[in-house]
């Protein structure tokens, strides 16, 4: 049922109140009509806006894919480098442990093992795929010859007496002179004879 003056009068509403109600109702209806027109105009634009939005989404997706791929490639390269570094350190630690164990077996004084490890180049020692020393017997003999000053001698009475360092002919060498010696055996012998220069 429409809101009319007759209908309102029939309800017993006073004439001046009827006019106010009709006026208010007309303003409300006009406002709703305006909004309706606005929504209709927006609805006409919707397909165009939707198509634009889809284009934008696709562009963002493609850009993001390229960007993510670059980030992934960079992170993967960093991770591979880190993994390789960790693996290398693990292998080095295993080799170090194997050589340290051999030094103990030969009888090198435990107080000297750390010092020997500092000046030993493990890359000159061959290891198999299981990181075990290749030709361990030869390496053992080499240790006995090169580090004999650090292997305590056991006398017949059972008393351990450390062999004193060999006399270097009265001439004192500097650390730099010792490290400059080309012959490995001679250099290691000089290190043993002047161990105080190397902090052990």
N, C-alpha and C. Protein backbone atom coordinates (compact mmCIF):
# COMPACT_ATOMS: atom_id res chain seq x y z
N UNK A 1 0.85 -1.19 0.00
CA UNK A 1 0.00 0.00 0.00
C UNK A 1 0.89 1.24 0.00
N UNK A 2 0.56 2.21 -0.85
CA UNK A 2 1.32 3.45 -0.95
C UNK A 2 1.02 4.37 0.23
N UNK A 3 2.00 5.17 0.55
CA UNK A 3 1.83 6.15 1.63
C UNK A 3 1.23 7.42 1.01
N UNK A 4 -0.08 7.63 1.25
CA UNK A 4 -0.78 8.80 0.67
C UNK A 4 -1.40 9.63 1.78
N UNK A 5 -1.77 10.88 1.41
CA UNK A 5 -2.41 11.76 2.38
C UNK A 5 -3.75 11.16 2.84
N UNK A 6 -4.54 10.62 1.88
CA UNK A 6 -5.85 10.04 2.23
C UNK A 6 -5.69 8.89 3.23
N UNK A 7 -4.70 8.08 2.97
CA UNK A 7 -4.51 6.92 3.85
C UNK A 7 -4.11 7.37 5.25
N UNK A 8 -3.23 8.37 5.30
CA UNK A 8 -2.81 8.89 6.61
C UNK A 8 -3.98 9.56 7.33
N UNK A 9 -4.81 10.33 6.57
CA UNK A 9 -5.98 10.98 7.18
C UNK A 9 -6.95 9.93 7.71
N UNK A 10 -7.11 8.84 6.96
CA UNK A 10 -8.01 7.77 7.39
C UNK A 10 -7.53 7.14 8.69
N UNK A 11 -6.24 7.22 8.93
CA UNK A 11 -5.70 6.68 10.19
C UNK A 11 -5.93 7.63 11.36
N UNK A 12 -6.48 8.82 11.06
CA UNK A 12 -6.79 9.77 12.12
C UNK A 12 -5.63 10.69 12.45
N UNK A 13 -4.66 10.81 11.54
CA UNK A 13 -3.50 11.70 11.78
C UNK A 13 -3.89 13.10 11.37
N UNK A 14 -3.50 14.06 12.19
CA UNK A 14 -3.84 15.46 11.93
C UNK A 14 -3.22 15.93 10.64
N UNK A 15 -3.87 16.90 9.99
CA UNK A 15 -3.47 17.38 8.67
C UNK A 15 -2.03 17.89 8.65
N UNK A 16 -1.62 18.70 9.64
CA UNK A 16 -0.25 19.25 9.63
C UNK A 16 0.80 18.14 9.81
N UNK A 17 0.46 17.10 10.55
CA UNK A 17 1.36 15.96 10.74
C UNK A 17 1.45 15.14 9.46
N UNK A 18 0.34 15.04 8.75
CA UNK A 18 0.31 14.30 7.49
C UNK A 18 1.31 14.92 6.52
N UNK A 19 1.30 16.27 6.42
CA UNK A 19 2.21 16.96 5.51
C UNK A 19 3.68 16.68 5.86
N UNK A 20 3.99 16.68 7.16
CA UNK A 20 5.37 16.40 7.61
C UNK A 20 5.79 14.99 7.22
N UNK A 21 4.85 14.05 7.43
CA UNK A 21 5.17 12.65 7.12
C UNK A 21 5.39 12.49 5.61
N UNK A 22 4.50 13.10 4.80
CA UNK A 22 4.63 13.01 3.34
C UNK A 22 5.95 13.62 2.88
N UNK A 23 6.30 14.76 3.45
CA UNK A 23 7.55 15.44 3.07
C UNK A 23 8.77 14.58 3.43
N UNK A 24 8.76 14.03 4.64
CA UNK A 24 9.88 13.17 5.08
C UNK A 24 9.99 11.93 4.22
N UNK A 25 8.81 11.38 3.90
CA UNK A 25 8.80 10.17 3.07
C UNK A 25 9.37 10.47 1.67
N UNK A 26 9.00 11.60 1.11
CA UNK A 26 9.45 11.99 -0.23
C UNK A 26 10.99 12.16 -0.24
N UNK A 27 11.55 12.76 0.83
CA UNK A 27 13.00 12.94 0.91
C UNK A 27 13.71 11.59 0.97
N UNK A 28 13.14 10.68 1.75
CA UNK A 28 13.72 9.34 1.87
C UNK A 28 13.71 8.62 0.54
N UNK A 29 12.57 8.68 -0.15
CA UNK A 29 12.43 8.01 -1.45
C UNK A 29 13.41 8.62 -2.45
N UNK A 30 13.51 9.95 -2.48
CA UNK A 30 14.44 10.61 -3.41
C UNK A 30 15.89 10.18 -3.14
N UNK A 31 16.23 10.08 -1.83
CA UNK A 31 17.58 9.66 -1.47
C UNK A 31 17.86 8.23 -1.94
N UNK A 32 16.85 7.37 -1.78
CA UNK A 32 16.99 5.98 -2.22
C UNK A 32 17.12 5.89 -3.73
N UNK A 33 16.36 6.74 -4.44
CA UNK A 33 16.46 6.75 -5.90
C UNK A 33 17.86 7.15 -6.35
N UNK A 34 18.41 8.17 -5.68
CA UNK A 34 19.77 8.62 -6.03
C UNK A 34 20.79 7.49 -5.83
N UNK A 35 20.67 6.82 -4.69
CA UNK A 35 21.59 5.71 -4.39
C UNK A 35 21.43 4.60 -5.40
N UNK A 36 20.17 4.33 -5.76
CA UNK A 36 19.90 3.28 -6.74
C UNK A 36 20.55 3.60 -8.08
N UNK A 37 20.45 4.84 -8.50
CA UNK A 37 21.07 5.25 -9.76
C UNK A 37 22.60 5.09 -9.70
N UNK A 38 23.14 5.44 -8.53
CA UNK A 38 24.60 5.31 -8.35
C UNK A 38 25.02 3.85 -8.44
N UNK A 39 24.26 2.97 -7.80
CA UNK A 39 24.58 1.55 -7.84
C UNK A 39 24.45 0.98 -9.25
N UNK A 40 23.43 1.48 -9.99
CA UNK A 40 23.26 1.02 -11.36
C UNK A 40 24.47 1.42 -12.21
N UNK A 41 24.94 2.66 -12.00
CA UNK A 41 26.10 3.15 -12.75
C UNK A 41 27.34 2.32 -12.40
N UNK A 42 27.49 2.03 -11.10
CA UNK A 42 28.64 1.22 -10.65
C UNK A 42 28.55 -0.19 -11.24
N UNK A 43 27.32 -0.73 -11.29
CA UNK A 43 27.12 -2.08 -11.82
C UNK A 43 27.53 -2.16 -13.28
N UNK A 44 27.29 -1.10 -14.04
CA UNK A 44 27.68 -1.07 -15.44
C UNK A 44 29.20 -1.10 -15.59
N UNK A 45 29.90 -0.48 -14.62
CA UNK A 45 31.36 -0.43 -14.67
C UNK A 45 32.01 -1.73 -14.19
N UNK A 46 31.25 -2.55 -13.49
CA UNK A 46 31.79 -3.74 -12.84
C UNK A 46 32.54 -4.67 -13.80
N UNK A 47 31.99 -5.05 -14.95
CA UNK A 47 32.74 -5.94 -15.85
C UNK A 47 34.08 -5.36 -16.28
N UNK A 48 34.08 -4.06 -16.56
CA UNK A 48 35.32 -3.39 -16.98
C UNK A 48 36.35 -3.42 -15.85
N UNK A 49 35.90 -3.10 -14.63
CA UNK A 49 36.79 -3.10 -13.47
C UNK A 49 37.30 -4.52 -13.19
N UNK A 50 36.40 -5.50 -13.32
CA UNK A 50 36.78 -6.90 -13.07
C UNK A 50 37.86 -7.34 -14.06
N UNK A 51 37.69 -6.98 -15.33
CA UNK A 51 38.68 -7.34 -16.35
C UNK A 51 40.02 -6.69 -16.05
N UNK A 52 40.01 -5.45 -15.63
CA UNK A 52 41.24 -4.73 -15.29
C UNK A 52 41.93 -5.38 -14.09
N UNK A 53 41.11 -5.77 -13.13
CA UNK A 53 41.64 -6.41 -11.93
C UNK A 53 42.31 -7.74 -12.28
N UNK A 54 41.71 -8.50 -13.16
CA UNK A 54 42.28 -9.78 -13.57
C UNK A 54 43.63 -9.58 -14.27
N UNK A 55 43.70 -8.54 -15.12
CA UNK A 55 44.96 -8.23 -15.78
C UNK A 55 46.05 -7.88 -14.76
N UNK A 56 45.63 -7.08 -13.80
CA UNK A 56 46.57 -6.66 -12.76
C UNK A 56 47.05 -7.86 -11.94
N UNK A 57 46.11 -8.75 -11.59
CA UNK A 57 46.46 -9.94 -10.82
C UNK A 57 47.45 -10.81 -11.59
N UNK A 58 47.23 -10.96 -12.86
CA UNK A 58 48.12 -11.79 -13.70
C UNK A 58 49.51 -11.18 -13.77
N UNK A 59 49.55 -9.84 -13.94
CA UNK A 59 50.84 -9.15 -14.00
C UNK A 59 51.61 -9.31 -12.70
N UNK A 60 50.90 -9.13 -11.58
CA UNK A 60 51.53 -9.28 -10.26
C UNK A 60 52.03 -10.70 -10.07
N UNK A 61 51.19 -11.66 -10.50
CA UNK A 61 51.57 -13.07 -10.37
C UNK A 61 52.86 -13.36 -11.13
N UNK A 62 52.93 -12.88 -12.37
CA UNK A 62 54.12 -13.11 -13.19
C UNK A 62 55.34 -12.43 -12.59
N UNK A 63 55.18 -11.18 -12.18
CA UNK A 63 56.30 -10.45 -11.56
C UNK A 63 56.75 -11.16 -10.30
N UNK A 64 55.78 -11.58 -9.50
CA UNK A 64 56.11 -12.23 -8.24
C UNK A 64 56.82 -13.56 -8.49
N UNK A 65 56.38 -14.27 -9.54
CA UNK A 65 57.02 -15.54 -9.88
C UNK A 65 58.49 -15.33 -10.22
N UNK A 66 58.78 -14.32 -11.04
CA UNK A 66 60.17 -14.02 -11.39
C UNK A 66 60.97 -13.63 -10.16
N UNK A 67 60.36 -12.80 -9.34
CA UNK A 67 61.04 -12.33 -8.13
C UNK A 67 61.30 -13.49 -7.17
N UNK A 68 60.29 -14.34 -6.99
CA UNK A 68 60.44 -15.49 -6.11
C UNK A 68 61.49 -16.46 -6.64
N UNK A 69 61.53 -16.63 -7.95
CA UNK A 69 62.51 -17.54 -8.55
C UNK A 69 63.92 -17.04 -8.28
N UNK A 70 64.09 -15.71 -8.42
CA UNK A 70 65.41 -15.13 -8.16
C UNK A 70 65.81 -15.33 -6.69
N UNK A 71 64.83 -15.08 -5.79
CA UNK A 71 65.11 -15.27 -4.36
C UNK A 71 65.44 -16.73 -4.06
N UNK A 72 64.67 -17.63 -4.69
CA UNK A 72 64.90 -19.06 -4.47
C UNK A 72 66.30 -19.46 -4.95
N UNK A 73 66.66 -19.01 -6.16
CA UNK A 73 67.97 -19.35 -6.71
C UNK A 73 69.09 -18.84 -5.82
N UNK A 74 68.91 -17.61 -5.31
CA UNK A 74 69.94 -17.03 -4.44
C UNK A 74 70.05 -17.81 -3.13
N UNK A 75 68.89 -18.11 -2.52
CA UNK A 75 68.90 -18.85 -1.26
C UNK A 75 69.47 -20.25 -1.46
N UNK A 76 69.13 -20.88 -2.58
CA UNK A 76 69.63 -22.24 -2.84
C UNK A 76 71.14 -22.23 -3.00
N UNK A 77 71.66 -21.22 -3.71
CA UNK A 77 73.11 -21.11 -3.90
C UNK A 77 73.80 -20.91 -2.55
N UNK A 78 73.21 -20.04 -1.71
CA UNK A 78 73.79 -19.80 -0.38
C UNK A 78 73.74 -21.07 0.46
N UNK A 79 72.61 -21.79 0.38
CA UNK A 79 72.47 -23.03 1.16
C UNK A 79 73.47 -24.09 0.69
N UNK A 80 73.62 -24.22 -0.65
CA UNK A 80 74.57 -25.20 -1.18
C UNK A 80 75.99 -24.88 -0.74
N UNK A 81 76.31 -23.58 -0.75
CA UNK A 81 77.65 -23.17 -0.31
C UNK A 81 77.84 -23.48 1.18
N UNK A 82 76.80 -23.19 1.98
CA UNK A 82 76.86 -23.48 3.42
C UNK A 82 77.01 -24.98 3.66
N UNK A 83 76.22 -25.78 2.90
CA UNK A 83 76.26 -27.23 3.07
C UNK A 83 77.65 -27.77 2.71
N UNK A 84 78.22 -27.23 1.62
CA UNK A 84 79.55 -27.65 1.21
C UNK A 84 80.60 -27.27 2.25
N UNK A 85 80.44 -26.07 2.83
CA UNK A 85 81.37 -25.60 3.86
C UNK A 85 81.30 -26.50 5.10
N UNK A 86 80.06 -26.84 5.50
CA UNK A 86 79.87 -27.71 6.67
C UNK A 86 80.48 -29.08 6.39
N UNK A 87 80.22 -29.62 5.18
CA UNK A 87 80.77 -30.93 4.81
C UNK A 87 82.28 -30.89 4.84
N UNK A 88 82.86 -29.81 4.30
CA UNK A 88 84.32 -29.67 4.30
C UNK A 88 84.88 -29.65 5.72
N UNK A 89 84.19 -28.93 6.61
CA UNK A 89 84.66 -28.86 8.01
C UNK A 89 84.53 -30.21 8.69
N UNK A 90 83.46 -30.95 8.35
CA UNK A 90 83.28 -32.29 8.94
C UNK A 90 84.39 -33.22 8.49
N UNK A 91 84.72 -33.16 7.19
CA UNK A 91 85.79 -34.00 6.65
C UNK A 91 87.12 -33.63 7.29
N UNK A 92 87.37 -32.32 7.41
CA UNK A 92 88.61 -31.85 8.03
C UNK A 92 88.70 -32.32 9.48
N UNK A 93 87.58 -32.24 10.20
CA UNK A 93 87.56 -32.67 11.60
C UNK A 93 87.82 -34.17 11.71
N UNK A 94 87.25 -34.95 10.77
CA UNK A 94 87.46 -36.40 10.78
C UNK A 94 88.91 -36.74 10.50
N UNK A 95 89.51 -36.04 9.53
CA UNK A 95 90.92 -36.27 9.20
C UNK A 95 91.82 -35.89 10.37
N UNK A 96 91.48 -34.75 10.97
CA UNK A 96 92.25 -34.29 12.12
C UNK A 96 92.20 -35.30 13.26
N UNK A 97 91.01 -35.85 13.47
CA UNK A 97 90.83 -36.86 14.54
C UNK A 97 91.66 -38.10 14.24
N UNK A 98 91.67 -38.54 12.97
CA UNK A 98 92.42 -39.73 12.58
C UNK A 98 93.92 -39.51 12.78
N UNK A 99 94.43 -38.34 12.39
CA UNK A 99 95.86 -38.07 12.53
C UNK A 99 96.24 -37.91 14.01
N UNK A 100 95.36 -37.25 14.75
CA UNK A 100 95.59 -37.09 16.20
C UNK A 100 95.67 -38.47 16.88
N UNK A 101 94.78 -39.38 16.47
CA UNK A 101 94.76 -40.72 17.03
C UNK A 101 96.06 -41.46 16.71
N UNK A 102 96.56 -41.26 15.49
CA UNK A 102 97.81 -41.91 15.10
C UNK A 102 98.99 -41.36 15.91
N UNK A 103 98.98 -40.07 16.18
CA UNK A 103 100.04 -39.47 17.01
C UNK A 103 100.05 -40.11 18.40
N UNK A 104 98.85 -40.34 18.94
CA UNK A 104 98.76 -40.98 20.26
C UNK A 104 99.29 -42.40 20.21
N UNK A 105 98.92 -43.13 19.15
CA UNK A 105 99.37 -44.52 19.01
C UNK A 105 100.89 -44.60 18.94
N UNK A 106 101.48 -43.65 18.24
CA UNK A 106 102.94 -43.63 18.10
C UNK A 106 103.61 -43.34 19.43
N UNK A 107 102.88 -42.66 20.32
CA UNK A 107 103.43 -42.36 21.64
C UNK A 107 103.84 -40.91 21.84
N UNK A 108 103.40 -40.03 20.93
CA UNK A 108 103.70 -38.61 21.10
C UNK A 108 103.06 -38.11 22.38
N UNK A 109 103.82 -37.32 23.13
CA UNK A 109 103.31 -36.76 24.38
C UNK A 109 102.03 -35.98 24.13
N UNK A 110 101.00 -36.26 24.94
CA UNK A 110 99.70 -35.60 24.75
C UNK A 110 99.82 -34.08 24.87
N UNK A 111 100.79 -33.61 25.64
CA UNK A 111 100.99 -32.17 25.79
C UNK A 111 101.46 -31.52 24.48
N UNK A 112 102.03 -32.33 23.58
CA UNK A 112 102.60 -31.82 22.34
C UNK A 112 101.68 -32.02 21.13
N UNK A 113 100.66 -32.85 21.27
CA UNK A 113 99.81 -33.18 20.12
C UNK A 113 99.15 -31.94 19.52
N UNK A 114 98.58 -31.06 20.37
CA UNK A 114 97.93 -29.85 19.85
C UNK A 114 98.92 -28.99 19.07
N UNK A 115 100.14 -28.90 19.57
CA UNK A 115 101.17 -28.09 18.91
C UNK A 115 101.52 -28.69 17.55
N UNK A 116 101.63 -30.00 17.50
CA UNK A 116 101.96 -30.67 16.23
C UNK A 116 100.82 -30.46 15.24
N UNK A 117 99.59 -30.56 15.71
CA UNK A 117 98.43 -30.39 14.83
C UNK A 117 98.41 -28.99 14.20
N UNK A 118 98.87 -27.99 14.95
CA UNK A 118 98.87 -26.61 14.44
C UNK A 118 99.80 -26.44 13.24
N UNK A 119 100.90 -27.20 13.21
CA UNK A 119 101.89 -27.02 12.14
C UNK A 119 101.84 -28.13 11.10
N UNK A 120 100.87 -29.03 11.22
CA UNK A 120 100.74 -30.14 10.26
C UNK A 120 99.75 -29.77 9.17
N UNK A 121 100.17 -29.95 7.93
CA UNK A 121 99.30 -29.71 6.78
C UNK A 121 98.67 -31.05 6.40
N UNK A 122 97.41 -31.24 6.78
CA UNK A 122 96.73 -32.52 6.53
C UNK A 122 96.53 -32.80 5.04
N UNK A 123 96.65 -31.77 4.21
CA UNK A 123 96.46 -31.98 2.78
C UNK A 123 97.62 -32.78 2.18
N UNK A 124 98.75 -32.89 2.92
CA UNK A 124 99.89 -33.67 2.44
C UNK A 124 99.74 -35.14 2.80
N UNK A 125 98.70 -35.47 3.56
CA UNK A 125 98.46 -36.86 3.96
C UNK A 125 97.27 -37.38 3.18
N UNK A 126 97.41 -38.57 2.62
CA UNK A 126 96.34 -39.16 1.82
C UNK A 126 95.34 -39.89 2.71
N UNK A 127 94.06 -39.66 2.41
CA UNK A 127 92.98 -40.34 3.13
C UNK A 127 92.10 -41.06 2.11
N UNK A 128 91.53 -42.21 2.53
CA UNK A 128 90.63 -42.92 1.62
C UNK A 128 89.21 -42.34 1.73
N UNK A 129 88.26 -42.99 1.06
CA UNK A 129 86.88 -42.48 1.04
C UNK A 129 86.23 -42.48 2.42
N UNK A 130 86.75 -43.32 3.32
CA UNK A 130 86.22 -43.38 4.69
C UNK A 130 86.99 -42.46 5.63
N UNK A 131 87.85 -41.59 5.03
CA UNK A 131 88.69 -40.65 5.79
C UNK A 131 89.65 -41.36 6.75
N UNK A 132 90.11 -42.53 6.31
CA UNK A 132 91.16 -43.25 7.06
C UNK A 132 92.47 -43.00 6.34
N UNK A 133 93.56 -42.95 7.12
CA UNK A 133 94.87 -42.64 6.55
C UNK A 133 95.35 -43.76 5.65
N UNK A 134 95.74 -43.38 4.41
CA UNK A 134 96.30 -44.35 3.46
C UNK A 134 97.77 -44.58 3.83
N UNK A 135 98.21 -45.83 3.76
CA UNK A 135 99.60 -46.19 4.14
C UNK A 135 99.93 -45.67 5.54
N UNK A 136 99.10 -46.07 6.49
CA UNK A 136 99.27 -45.61 7.87
C UNK A 136 100.64 -45.97 8.43
N UNK A 137 101.19 -47.13 7.98
CA UNK A 137 102.51 -47.54 8.48
C UNK A 137 103.60 -46.54 8.09
N UNK A 138 103.52 -46.05 6.83
CA UNK A 138 104.52 -45.08 6.39
C UNK A 138 104.37 -43.76 7.14
N UNK A 139 103.10 -43.36 7.35
CA UNK A 139 102.85 -42.11 8.09
C UNK A 139 103.33 -42.26 9.52
N UNK A 140 103.16 -43.45 10.09
CA UNK A 140 103.63 -43.72 11.46
C UNK A 140 105.14 -43.56 11.54
N UNK A 141 105.86 -44.14 10.57
CA UNK A 141 107.32 -44.02 10.55
C UNK A 141 107.75 -42.56 10.39
N UNK A 142 107.00 -41.83 9.55
CA UNK A 142 107.30 -40.41 9.35
C UNK A 142 107.14 -39.64 10.65
N UNK A 143 106.08 -39.95 11.39
CA UNK A 143 105.85 -39.28 12.68
C UNK A 143 106.99 -39.59 13.64
N UNK A 144 107.39 -40.84 13.68
CA UNK A 144 108.48 -41.24 14.59
C UNK A 144 109.77 -40.51 14.28
N UNK A 145 110.02 -40.30 12.96
CA UNK A 145 111.25 -39.61 12.57
C UNK A 145 111.17 -38.10 12.80
N UNK A 146 110.04 -37.51 12.38
CA UNK A 146 109.91 -36.05 12.44
C UNK A 146 109.66 -35.53 13.84
N UNK A 147 108.96 -36.30 14.66
CA UNK A 147 108.56 -35.82 15.98
C UNK A 147 109.16 -36.67 17.11
N UNK A 148 110.34 -37.22 16.84
CA UNK A 148 110.96 -38.09 17.84
C UNK A 148 111.24 -37.37 19.16
N UNK A 149 111.51 -36.07 19.08
CA UNK A 149 111.79 -35.31 20.31
C UNK A 149 110.56 -35.23 21.21
N UNK A 150 109.38 -35.47 20.65
CA UNK A 150 108.15 -35.38 21.43
C UNK A 150 107.62 -36.76 21.85
N UNK A 151 108.41 -37.79 21.55
CA UNK A 151 108.01 -39.14 21.95
C UNK A 151 108.88 -39.54 23.13
N UNK A 152 108.30 -39.62 24.32
CA UNK A 152 109.09 -39.97 25.51
C UNK A 152 109.74 -41.34 25.35
N UNK A 153 111.00 -41.43 25.83
CA UNK A 153 111.74 -42.69 25.78
C UNK A 153 111.56 -43.41 27.11
N UNK A 154 111.22 -44.69 27.03
CA UNK A 154 111.02 -45.48 28.25
C UNK A 154 112.29 -46.28 28.51
N UNK A 155 112.93 -46.01 29.65
CA UNK A 155 114.13 -46.75 30.01
C UNK A 155 113.76 -48.14 30.52
N UNK A 156 114.75 -48.99 30.64
CA UNK A 156 114.52 -50.37 31.09
C UNK A 156 113.88 -50.42 32.46
N UNK A 157 114.16 -49.43 33.29
CA UNK A 157 113.61 -49.40 34.64
C UNK A 157 112.13 -49.01 34.61
N UNK A 158 111.66 -48.62 33.46
CA UNK A 158 110.24 -48.26 33.36
C UNK A 158 109.97 -46.79 33.60
N UNK A 159 111.01 -45.99 33.82
CA UNK A 159 110.82 -44.57 34.07
C UNK A 159 110.84 -43.84 32.73
N UNK A 160 109.83 -43.02 32.49
CA UNK A 160 109.75 -42.26 31.25
C UNK A 160 110.58 -40.99 31.36
N UNK A 161 111.51 -40.83 30.42
CA UNK A 161 112.35 -39.63 30.39
C UNK A 161 112.23 -39.03 29.00
N UNK A 162 111.86 -37.79 28.95
CA UNK A 162 111.71 -37.11 27.65
C UNK A 162 113.08 -36.87 27.04
N UNK A 163 113.23 -37.18 25.78
CA UNK A 163 114.49 -36.95 25.08
C UNK A 163 114.68 -35.44 24.89
N UNK A 164 115.83 -34.91 25.32
CA UNK A 164 116.04 -33.46 25.18
C UNK A 164 116.16 -33.08 23.71
N UNK A 165 115.83 -31.86 23.38
CA UNK A 165 115.95 -31.40 21.98
C UNK A 165 117.39 -31.50 21.50
N UNK A 166 117.54 -31.82 20.25
CA UNK A 166 118.88 -31.93 19.67
C UNK A 166 119.53 -30.55 19.59
N UNK A 167 120.86 -30.55 19.68
CA UNK A 167 121.61 -29.30 19.62
C UNK A 167 121.63 -28.82 18.17
N UNK A 168 121.31 -27.58 17.96
CA UNK A 168 121.28 -27.05 16.59
C UNK A 168 122.59 -26.38 16.19
N UNK A 169 123.64 -26.75 16.90
CA UNK A 169 124.96 -26.22 16.52
C UNK A 169 125.24 -24.88 17.14
N UNK A 170 124.47 -24.50 18.14
CA UNK A 170 124.73 -23.26 18.85
C UNK A 170 124.06 -22.06 18.23
N UNK A 171 123.53 -22.22 17.02
CA UNK A 171 122.87 -21.09 16.38
C UNK A 171 121.37 -21.10 16.65
N UNK A 172 120.84 -20.00 17.12
CA UNK A 172 119.40 -19.91 17.39
C UNK A 172 118.68 -19.39 16.14
N UNK A 173 117.65 -20.14 15.71
CA UNK A 173 116.90 -19.72 14.53
C UNK A 173 115.64 -18.98 14.97
N UNK A 174 115.19 -18.09 14.12
CA UNK A 174 113.92 -17.40 14.39
C UNK A 174 112.78 -18.24 13.83
N UNK A 175 111.57 -17.91 14.26
CA UNK A 175 110.38 -18.64 13.78
C UNK A 175 110.27 -18.54 12.27
N UNK A 176 110.54 -17.34 11.72
CA UNK A 176 110.45 -17.13 10.28
C UNK A 176 111.47 -17.97 9.53
N UNK A 177 112.71 -18.07 10.09
CA UNK A 177 113.76 -18.87 9.45
C UNK A 177 113.37 -20.34 9.42
N UNK A 178 112.77 -20.79 10.53
CA UNK A 178 112.35 -22.20 10.60
C UNK A 178 111.25 -22.48 9.59
N UNK A 179 110.24 -21.60 9.52
CA UNK A 179 109.11 -21.84 8.60
C UNK A 179 109.56 -21.71 7.13
N UNK A 180 110.71 -21.07 6.89
CA UNK A 180 111.21 -20.91 5.52
C UNK A 180 111.98 -22.13 5.04
N UNK A 181 112.28 -23.09 5.94
CA UNK A 181 113.01 -24.31 5.55
C UNK A 181 112.15 -25.11 4.59
N UNK A 182 112.69 -25.46 3.44
CA UNK A 182 111.92 -26.15 2.39
C UNK A 182 111.68 -27.61 2.76
N UNK A 183 112.71 -28.28 3.25
CA UNK A 183 112.59 -29.72 3.56
C UNK A 183 111.66 -29.93 4.75
N UNK A 184 110.61 -30.70 4.53
CA UNK A 184 109.60 -30.91 5.59
C UNK A 184 110.21 -31.52 6.84
N UNK A 185 111.00 -32.56 6.66
CA UNK A 185 111.60 -33.24 7.82
C UNK A 185 112.51 -32.30 8.60
N UNK A 186 113.32 -31.56 7.86
CA UNK A 186 114.25 -30.62 8.51
C UNK A 186 113.48 -29.51 9.23
N UNK A 187 112.41 -29.01 8.56
CA UNK A 187 111.59 -27.96 9.17
C UNK A 187 110.93 -28.44 10.46
N UNK A 188 110.36 -29.65 10.41
CA UNK A 188 109.67 -30.20 11.60
C UNK A 188 110.68 -30.45 12.73
N UNK A 189 111.90 -30.88 12.34
CA UNK A 189 112.95 -31.10 13.34
C UNK A 189 113.32 -29.76 14.02
N UNK A 190 113.41 -28.71 13.20
CA UNK A 190 113.75 -27.39 13.73
C UNK A 190 112.63 -26.87 14.63
N UNK A 191 111.39 -27.16 14.25
CA UNK A 191 110.25 -26.74 15.10
C UNK A 191 110.33 -27.44 16.45
N UNK A 192 110.64 -28.74 16.41
CA UNK A 192 110.74 -29.50 17.65
C UNK A 192 111.87 -28.98 18.54
N UNK A 193 112.97 -28.60 17.90
CA UNK A 193 114.12 -28.13 18.66
C UNK A 193 113.91 -26.72 19.22
N UNK A 194 113.01 -25.96 18.58
CA UNK A 194 112.75 -24.59 19.02
C UNK A 194 111.27 -24.41 19.34
N UNK A 195 110.71 -25.40 19.98
CA UNK A 195 109.26 -25.41 20.22
C UNK A 195 108.77 -24.21 21.02
N UNK A 196 109.66 -23.61 21.82
CA UNK A 196 109.24 -22.47 22.63
C UNK A 196 108.84 -21.27 21.74
N UNK A 197 109.40 -21.22 20.52
CA UNK A 197 109.05 -20.14 19.60
C UNK A 197 107.61 -20.26 19.09
N UNK A 198 107.09 -21.49 19.13
CA UNK A 198 105.74 -21.76 18.62
C UNK A 198 104.71 -21.90 19.73
N UNK A 199 105.13 -21.60 20.94
CA UNK A 199 104.19 -21.58 22.06
C UNK A 199 103.87 -22.95 22.63
N UNK A 200 104.78 -23.92 22.45
CA UNK A 200 104.56 -25.23 23.07
C UNK A 200 105.84 -25.85 23.52
